[in-house]
Amino acid sequence: MKINEVIEVARPVSQVWELFSNVPELARCLPGAELTEDKGDGVYAGKVSTKLGPMTANFEGEATVTSDAAARTGAVSGKGADRRGGSMGQVKMQYRVEPIEIGTRINVDAEVILSGAAAQFGRTGLIKEMSNRLIAEFVKCLDAKLAAANPHQAAAVAAPEVKGLSLFFSSLLSTVTGFFKGLLGRKPKD
């Protein structure tokens, strides 16, 4: 599944890039993510807990983060396994941070590959809707970190816990509503 997002924040590009360069702090804004070890050279071990409706997946694995400060670009390549549920996940992401009139734009292009039980949700379109909601939480956290008065306050900001069942049902409702709006908006065939 491909995910392309454009995030705009009303903060200076230098401040946003500084946060994106601090992987442990940035990871605290990803709902369900936890870094467990900095292995050096841009390699991090961690966990991502995701509640997909009635299913909970706890992926453990590694990610490699590279960046180019001059171009303000970076890449993340990671993979992990949910040993209990038998699911596997991979992500390849590229991002670019650029100045715009109101502040900063962050362009994100990612490819997510799921296998096992978690892959069933990718077929229904719910993963895309749920990722939109998780990105919204990420943006709120990012903005709060950037608005903090000092580093101590910024360090206290973290993404809220993901409430899987409510996230699942709100995503399902949004998907179904979009489907019916599409049906109602179509003109009948002659």
C-alpha atoms as a PDB file:
ATOM      1  CA  MET A   1       0.000   0.000   0.000  1.00  0.00           C
ATOM      2  CA  LYS A   2       1.306   3.433  -0.904  1.00  0.00           C
ATOM      3  CA  ILE A   3       0.791   6.425   1.367  1.00  0.00           C
ATOM      4  CA  ASN A   4       1.449   9.956   0.154  1.00  0.00           C
ATOM      5  CA  GLU A   5       0.902  12.780   2.615  1.00  0.00           C
ATOM      6  CA  VAL A   6       1.560  16.497   2.680  1.00  0.00           C
ATOM      7  CA  ILE A   7       1.711  18.027   6.151  1.00  0.00           C
ATOM      8  CA  GLU A   8       1.875  21.775   6.691  1.00  0.00           C
ATOM      9  CA  VAL A   9       2.780  23.400   9.995  1.00  0.00           C
ATOM     10  CA  ALA A  10       3.054  27.078  10.842  1.00  0.00           C
ATOM     11  CA  ARG A  11       6.620  26.793  12.121  1.00  0.00           C
ATOM     12  CA  PRO A  12       9.980  27.782  10.601  1.00  0.00           C
ATOM     13  CA  VAL A  13      11.638  25.137   8.443  1.00  0.00           C
ATOM     14  CA  SER A  14      14.806  25.178  10.588  1.00  0.00           C
ATOM     15  CA  GLN A  15      12.803  24.325  13.711  1.00  0.00           C
ATOM     16  CA  VAL A  16      10.908  21.520  11.944  1.00  0.00           C
ATOM     17  CA  TRP A  17      14.122  20.074  10.459  1.00  0.00           C
ATOM     18  CA  GLU A  18      15.756  20.113  13.890  1.00  0.00           C
ATOM     19  CA  LEU A  19      12.908  17.997  15.268  1.00  0.00           C
ATOM     20  CA  PHE A  20      13.020  15.629  12.275  1.00  0.00           C
ATOM     21  CA  SER A  21      16.756  15.203  12.929  1.00  0.00           C
ATOM     22  CA  ASN A  22      16.050  14.049  16.501  1.00  0.00           C
ATOM     23  CA  VAL A  23      14.727  10.531  15.835  1.00  0.00           C
ATOM     24  CA  PRO A  24      13.958   9.608  19.487  1.00  0.00           C
ATOM     25  CA  GLU A  25      11.863  12.786  19.970  1.00  0.00           C
ATOM     26  CA  LEU A  26      10.130  12.429  16.627  1.00  0.00           C
ATOM     27  CA  ALA A  27       9.270   8.785  17.374  1.00  0.00           C
ATOM     28  CA  ARG A  28       7.374   9.948  20.470  1.00  0.00           C
ATOM     29  CA  CYS A  29       4.908  11.632  18.092  1.00  0.00           C
ATOM     30  CA  LEU A  30       4.116   8.377  16.268  1.00  0.00           C
ATOM     31  CA  PRO A  31       1.065   6.784  17.930  1.00  0.00           C
ATOM     32  CA  GLY A  32       1.915   3.302  19.189  1.00  0.00           C
ATOM     33  CA  ALA A  33       5.660   3.577  18.466  1.00  0.00           C
ATOM     34  CA  GLU A  34       8.436   3.072  21.003  1.00  0.00           C
ATOM     35  CA  LEU A  35      12.192   3.121  20.411  1.00  0.00           C
ATOM     36  CA  THR A  36      13.902   0.478  22.505  1.00  0.00           C
ATOM     37  CA  GLU A  37      17.527   0.909  21.406  1.00  0.00           C
ATOM     38  CA  ASP A  38      19.762   3.247  19.430  1.00  0.00           C
ATOM     39  CA  LYS A  39      22.152   0.838  17.718  1.00  0.00           C
ATOM     40  CA  GLY A  40      24.204   3.643  16.162  1.00  0.00           C
ATOM     41  CA  ASP A  41      24.739   4.714  12.556  1.00  0.00           C
ATOM     42  CA  GLY A  42      21.031   5.551  12.170  1.00  0.00           C
ATOM     43  CA  VAL A  43      19.786   2.085  13.124  1.00  0.00           C
ATOM     44  CA  TYR A  44      17.068   1.865  15.795  1.00  0.00           C
ATOM     45  CA  ALA A  45      15.269  -1.065  17.381  1.00  0.00           C
ATOM     46  CA  GLY A  46      11.704  -0.557  18.432  1.00  0.00           C
ATOM     47  CA  LYS A  47       8.117  -1.646  18.733  1.00  0.00           C
ATOM     48  CA  VAL A  48       4.944  -0.501  17.039  1.00  0.00           C
ATOM     49  CA  SER A  49       1.651  -1.508  18.604  1.00  0.00           C
ATOM     50  CA  THR A  50      -1.362  -1.273  16.345  1.00  0.00           C
ATOM     51  CA  LYS A  51      -4.936  -2.140  17.151  1.00  0.00           C
ATOM     52  CA  LEU A  52      -6.784  -3.116  13.999  1.00  0.00           C
ATOM     53  CA  GLY A  53     -10.366  -3.502  15.164  1.00  0.00           C
ATOM     54  CA  PRO A  54     -10.530  -6.722  17.159  1.00  0.00           C
ATOM     55  CA  MET A  55      -6.886  -7.547  16.397  1.00  0.00           C
ATOM     56  CA  THR A  56      -3.819  -6.168  18.153  1.00  0.00           C
ATOM     57  CA  ALA A  57      -0.471  -6.406  16.400  1.00  0.00           C
ATOM     58  CA  ASN A  58       2.776  -5.741  18.264  1.00  0.00           C
ATOM     59  CA  PHE A  59       5.515  -5.433  15.673  1.00  0.00           C
ATOM     60  CA  GLU A  60       9.116  -5.615  16.904  1.00  0.00           C
ATOM     61  CA  GLY A  61      11.959  -4.846  14.557  1.00  0.00           C
ATOM     62  CA  GLU A  62      14.521  -2.390  13.270  1.00  0.00           C
ATOM     63  CA  ALA A  63      14.532   0.759  11.207  1.00  0.00           C
ATOM     64  CA  THR A  64      17.374   2.539   9.460  1.00  0.00           C
ATOM     65  CA  VAL A  65      17.079   6.320   9.234  1.00  0.00           C
ATOM     66  CA  THR A  66      19.216   8.377   6.851  1.00  0.00           C
ATOM     67  CA  SER A  67      19.070  12.081   6.169  1.00  0.00           C
ATOM     68  CA  ASP A  68      20.622  14.807   4.057  1.00  0.00           C
ATOM     69  CA  ALA A  69      20.681  18.052   6.066  1.00  0.00           C
ATOM     70  CA  ALA A  70      21.623  20.196   3.055  1.00  0.00           C
ATOM     71  CA  ALA A  71      18.632  18.992   1.032  1.00  0.00           C
ATOM     72  CA  ARG A  72      16.408  18.546   4.119  1.00  0.00           C
ATOM     73  CA  THR A  73      15.431  15.064   2.998  1.00  0.00           C
ATOM     74  CA  GLY A  74      15.477  11.697   4.668  1.00  0.00           C
ATOM     75  CA  ALA A  75      14.502   8.083   4.377  1.00  0.00           C
ATOM     76  CA  VAL A  76      13.332   5.373   6.746  1.00  0.00           C
ATOM     77  CA  SER A  77      13.488   1.674   5.961  1.00  0.00           C
ATOM     78  CA  GLY A  78      12.140  -0.719   8.531  1.00  0.00           C
ATOM     79  CA  LYS A  79      10.684  -4.137   9.075  1.00  0.00           C
ATOM     80  CA  GLY A  80       9.200  -5.985  11.972  1.00  0.00           C
ATOM     81  CA  ALA A  81       7.263  -9.043  13.038  1.00  0.00           C
ATOM     82  CA  ASP A  82       4.319  -9.678  15.298  1.00  0.00           C
ATOM     83  CA  ARG A  83       5.445 -12.987  16.721  1.00  0.00           C
ATOM     84  CA  ARG A  84       2.198 -13.708  18.515  1.00  0.00           C
ATOM     85  CA  GLY A  85      -0.116 -12.934  15.571  1.00  0.00           C
ATOM     86  CA  GLY A  86       2.187 -14.107  12.800  1.00  0.00           C
ATOM     87  CA  SER A  87       2.055 -10.841  10.860  1.00  0.00           C
ATOM     88  CA  MET A  88       5.029  -9.181   9.208  1.00  0.00           C
ATOM     89  CA  GLY A  89       5.400  -5.554   8.170  1.00  0.00           C
ATOM     90  CA  GLN A  90       7.810  -3.492   6.098  1.00  0.00           C
ATOM     91  CA  VAL A  91       7.916   0.233   5.474  1.00  0.00           C
ATOM     92  CA  LYS A  92       9.992   2.318   3.097  1.00  0.00           C
ATOM     93  CA  MET A  93       9.486   6.023   3.505  1.00  0.00           C
ATOM     94  CA  GLN A  94      11.031   9.169   2.076  1.00  0.00           C
ATOM     95  CA  TYR A  95      10.368  12.656   3.385  1.00  0.00           C
ATOM     96  CA  ARG A  96      11.238  16.192   2.386  1.00  0.00           C
ATOM     97  CA  VAL A  97      10.989  19.293   4.599  1.00  0.00           C
ATOM     98  CA  GLU A  98      10.628  22.589   2.725  1.00  0.00           C
ATOM     99  CA  PRO A  99       9.789  26.198   3.519  1.00  0.00           C
ATOM    100  CA  ILE A 100       6.450  27.636   2.402  1.00  0.00           C
ATOM    101  CA  GLU A 101       4.781  30.973   2.977  1.00  0.00           C
ATOM    102  CA  ILE A 102       2.927  29.897   6.130  1.00  0.00           C
ATOM    103  CA  GLY A 103       5.827  27.916   7.604  1.00  0.00           C
ATOM    104  CA  THR A 104       6.893  24.417   6.576  1.00  0.00           C
ATOM    105  CA  ARG A 105       5.617  21.652   4.336  1.00  0.00           C
ATOM    106  CA  ILE A 106       6.580  18.021   4.945  1.00  0.00           C
ATOM    107  CA  ASN A 107       6.109  15.674   1.990  1.00  0.00           C
ATOM    108  CA  VAL A 108       5.942  11.995   2.889  1.00  0.00           C
ATOM    109  CA  ASP A 109       5.918   9.100   0.424  1.00  0.00           C
ATOM    110  CA  ALA A 110       5.733   5.643   1.951  1.00  0.00           C
ATOM    111  CA  GLU A 111       5.127   2.084   0.939  1.00  0.00           C
ATOM    112  CA  VAL A 112       3.786  -0.274   3.571  1.00  0.00           C
ATOM    113  CA  ILE A 113       3.739  -4.026   3.022  1.00  0.00           C
ATOM    114  CA  LEU A 114       1.822  -6.239   5.434  1.00  0.00           C
ATOM    115  CA  SER A 115       1.543 -10.012   5.474  1.00  0.00           C
ATOM    116  CA  GLY A 116      -0.313 -12.419   7.709  1.00  0.00           C
ATOM    117  CA  ALA A 117      -3.474 -11.512   9.615  1.00  0.00           C
ATOM    118  CA  ALA A 118      -2.728  -7.757   9.492  1.00  0.00           C
ATOM    119  CA  ALA A 119      -2.796  -7.847   5.679  1.00  0.00           C
ATOM    120  CA  GLN A 120      -6.539  -8.602   5.712  1.00  0.00           C
ATOM    121  CA  PHE A 121      -7.237  -5.059   6.874  1.00  0.00           C
ATOM    122  CA  GLY A 122      -5.178  -3.607   4.034  1.00  0.00           C
ATOM    123  CA  ARG A 123      -7.539  -5.143   1.511  1.00  0.00           C
ATOM    124  CA  THR A 124     -10.580  -3.369   2.930  1.00  0.00           C
ATOM    125  CA  GLY A 125      -9.241   0.168   2.647  1.00  0.00           C
ATOM    126  CA  LEU A 126      -9.385   0.559   6.431  1.00  0.00           C
ATOM    127  CA  ILE A 127      -5.597   0.760   6.740  1.00  0.00           C
ATOM    128  CA  LYS A 128      -5.593   3.929   4.598  1.00  0.00           C
ATOM    129  CA  GLU A 129      -8.382   5.529   6.635  1.00  0.00           C
ATOM    130  CA  MET A 130      -6.710   4.529   9.916  1.00  0.00           C
ATOM    131  CA  SER A 131      -3.356   5.875   8.694  1.00  0.00           C
ATOM    132  CA  ASN A 132      -5.066   9.215   7.955  1.00  0.00           C
ATOM    133  CA  ARG A 133      -6.284   9.377  11.551  1.00  0.00           C
ATOM    134  CA  LEU A 134      -2.868   8.384  12.940  1.00  0.00           C
ATOM    135  CA  ILE A 135      -1.200  11.053  10.783  1.00  0.00           C
ATOM    136  CA  ALA A 136      -3.629  13.616  12.218  1.00  0.00           C
ATOM    137  CA  GLU A 137      -2.487  12.601  15.740  1.00  0.00           C
ATOM    138  CA  PHE A 138       1.150  12.814  14.612  1.00  0.00           C
ATOM    139  CA  VAL A 139       0.611  16.366  13.300  1.00  0.00           C
ATOM    140  CA  LYS A 140      -1.041  17.463  16.577  1.00  0.00           C
ATOM    141  CA  CYS A 141       1.892  16.077  18.554  1.00  0.00           C
ATOM    142  CA  LEU A 142       4.442  17.577  16.158  1.00  0.00           C
ATOM    143  CA  ASP A 143       2.833  21.007  16.454  1.00  0.00           C
ATOM    144  CA  ALA A 144       2.689  20.754  20.266  1.00  0.00           C
ATOM    145  CA  LYS A 145       6.400  19.819  20.443  1.00  0.00           C
ATOM    146  CA  LEU A 146       7.317  22.722  18.185  1.00  0.00           C
ATOM    147  CA  ALA A 147       5.173  25.154  20.205  1.00  0.00           C
ATOM    148  CA  ALA A 148       6.717  24.152  23.553  1.00  0.00           C
ATOM    149  CA  ALA A 149       8.376  26.987  25.455  1.00  0.00           C
ATOM    150  CA  ASN A 150      11.522  24.980  26.240  1.00  0.00           C
ATOM    151  CA  PRO A 151      13.163  21.583  25.574  1.00  0.00           C
ATOM    152  CA  HIS A 152      11.849  20.147  28.859  1.00  0.00           C
ATOM    153  CA  GLN A 153       8.249  20.913  27.866  1.00  0.00           C
ATOM    154  CA  ALA A 154       8.839  19.578  24.343  1.00  0.00           C
ATOM    155  CA  ALA A 155      10.199  16.306  25.757  1.00  0.00           C
ATOM    156  CA  ALA A 156       7.001  15.855  27.795  1.00  0.00           C
ATOM    157  CA  VAL A 157       4.840  15.915  24.649  1.00  0.00           C
ATOM    158  CA  ALA A 158       3.971  12.505  23.208  1.00  0.00           C
ATOM    159  CA  ALA A 159       1.293  11.053  20.966  1.00  0.00           C
ATOM    160  CA  PRO A 160      -1.755   9.745  22.810  1.00  0.00           C
ATOM    161  CA  GLU A 161      -2.392   6.034  23.109  1.00  0.00           C
ATOM    162  CA  VAL A 162      -4.242   4.648  20.126  1.00  0.00           C
ATOM    163  CA  LYS A 163      -7.710   3.446  21.062  1.00  0.00           C
ATOM    164  CA  GLY A 164      -8.001   0.608  18.573  1.00  0.00           C
ATOM    165  CA  LEU A 165     -11.684  -0.196  18.675  1.00  0.00           C
ATOM    166  CA  SER A 166     -12.844   3.422  18.530  1.00  0.00           C
ATOM    167  CA  LEU A 167     -10.280   4.139  15.788  1.00  0.00           C
ATOM    168  CA  PHE A 168     -11.470   1.084  13.887  1.00  0.00           C
ATOM    169  CA  PHE A 169     -15.156   2.021  14.088  1.00  0.00           C
ATOM    170  CA  SER A 170     -14.606   5.697  13.248  1.00  0.00           C
ATOM    171  CA  SER A 171     -12.468   4.608  10.272  1.00  0.00           C
ATOM    172  CA  LEU A 172     -15.085   2.063   9.227  1.00  0.00           C
ATOM    173  CA  LEU A 173     -17.816   4.700   9.467  1.00  0.00           C
ATOM    174  CA  SER A 174     -15.757   7.111   7.360  1.00  0.00           C
ATOM    175  CA  THR A 175     -15.103   4.418   4.735  1.00  0.00           C
ATOM    176  CA  VAL A 176     -18.772   3.395   4.547  1.00  0.00           C
ATOM    177  CA  THR A 177     -19.923   7.035   4.437  1.00  0.00           C
ATOM    178  CA  GLY A 178     -17.490   7.736   1.592  1.00  0.00           C
ATOM    179  CA  PHE A 179     -18.795   4.689  -0.279  1.00  0.00           C
ATOM    180  CA  PHE A 180     -22.428   5.818   0.000  1.00  0.00           C
ATOM    181  CA  LYS A 181     -21.577   9.418  -0.910  1.00  0.00           C
ATOM    182  CA  GLY A 182     -19.921   8.035  -4.031  1.00  0.00           C
ATOM    183  CA  LEU A 183     -22.992   5.974  -4.868  1.00  0.00           C
ATOM    184  CA  LEU A 184     -25.403   8.852  -4.273  1.00  0.00           C
ATOM    185  CA  GLY A 185     -23.245  11.255  -6.256  1.00  0.00           C
ATOM    186  CA  ARG A 186     -23.280   9.058  -9.385  1.00  0.00           C
ATOM    187  CA  LYS A 187     -25.670   9.815 -12.193  1.00  0.00           C
ATOM    188  CA  PRO A 188     -27.929   6.940 -13.243  1.00  0.00           C
ATOM    189  CA  LYS A 189     -27.020   5.181 -16.475  1.00  0.00           C
ATOM    190  CA  ASP A 190     -29.417   5.570 -19.407  1.00  0.00           C
END
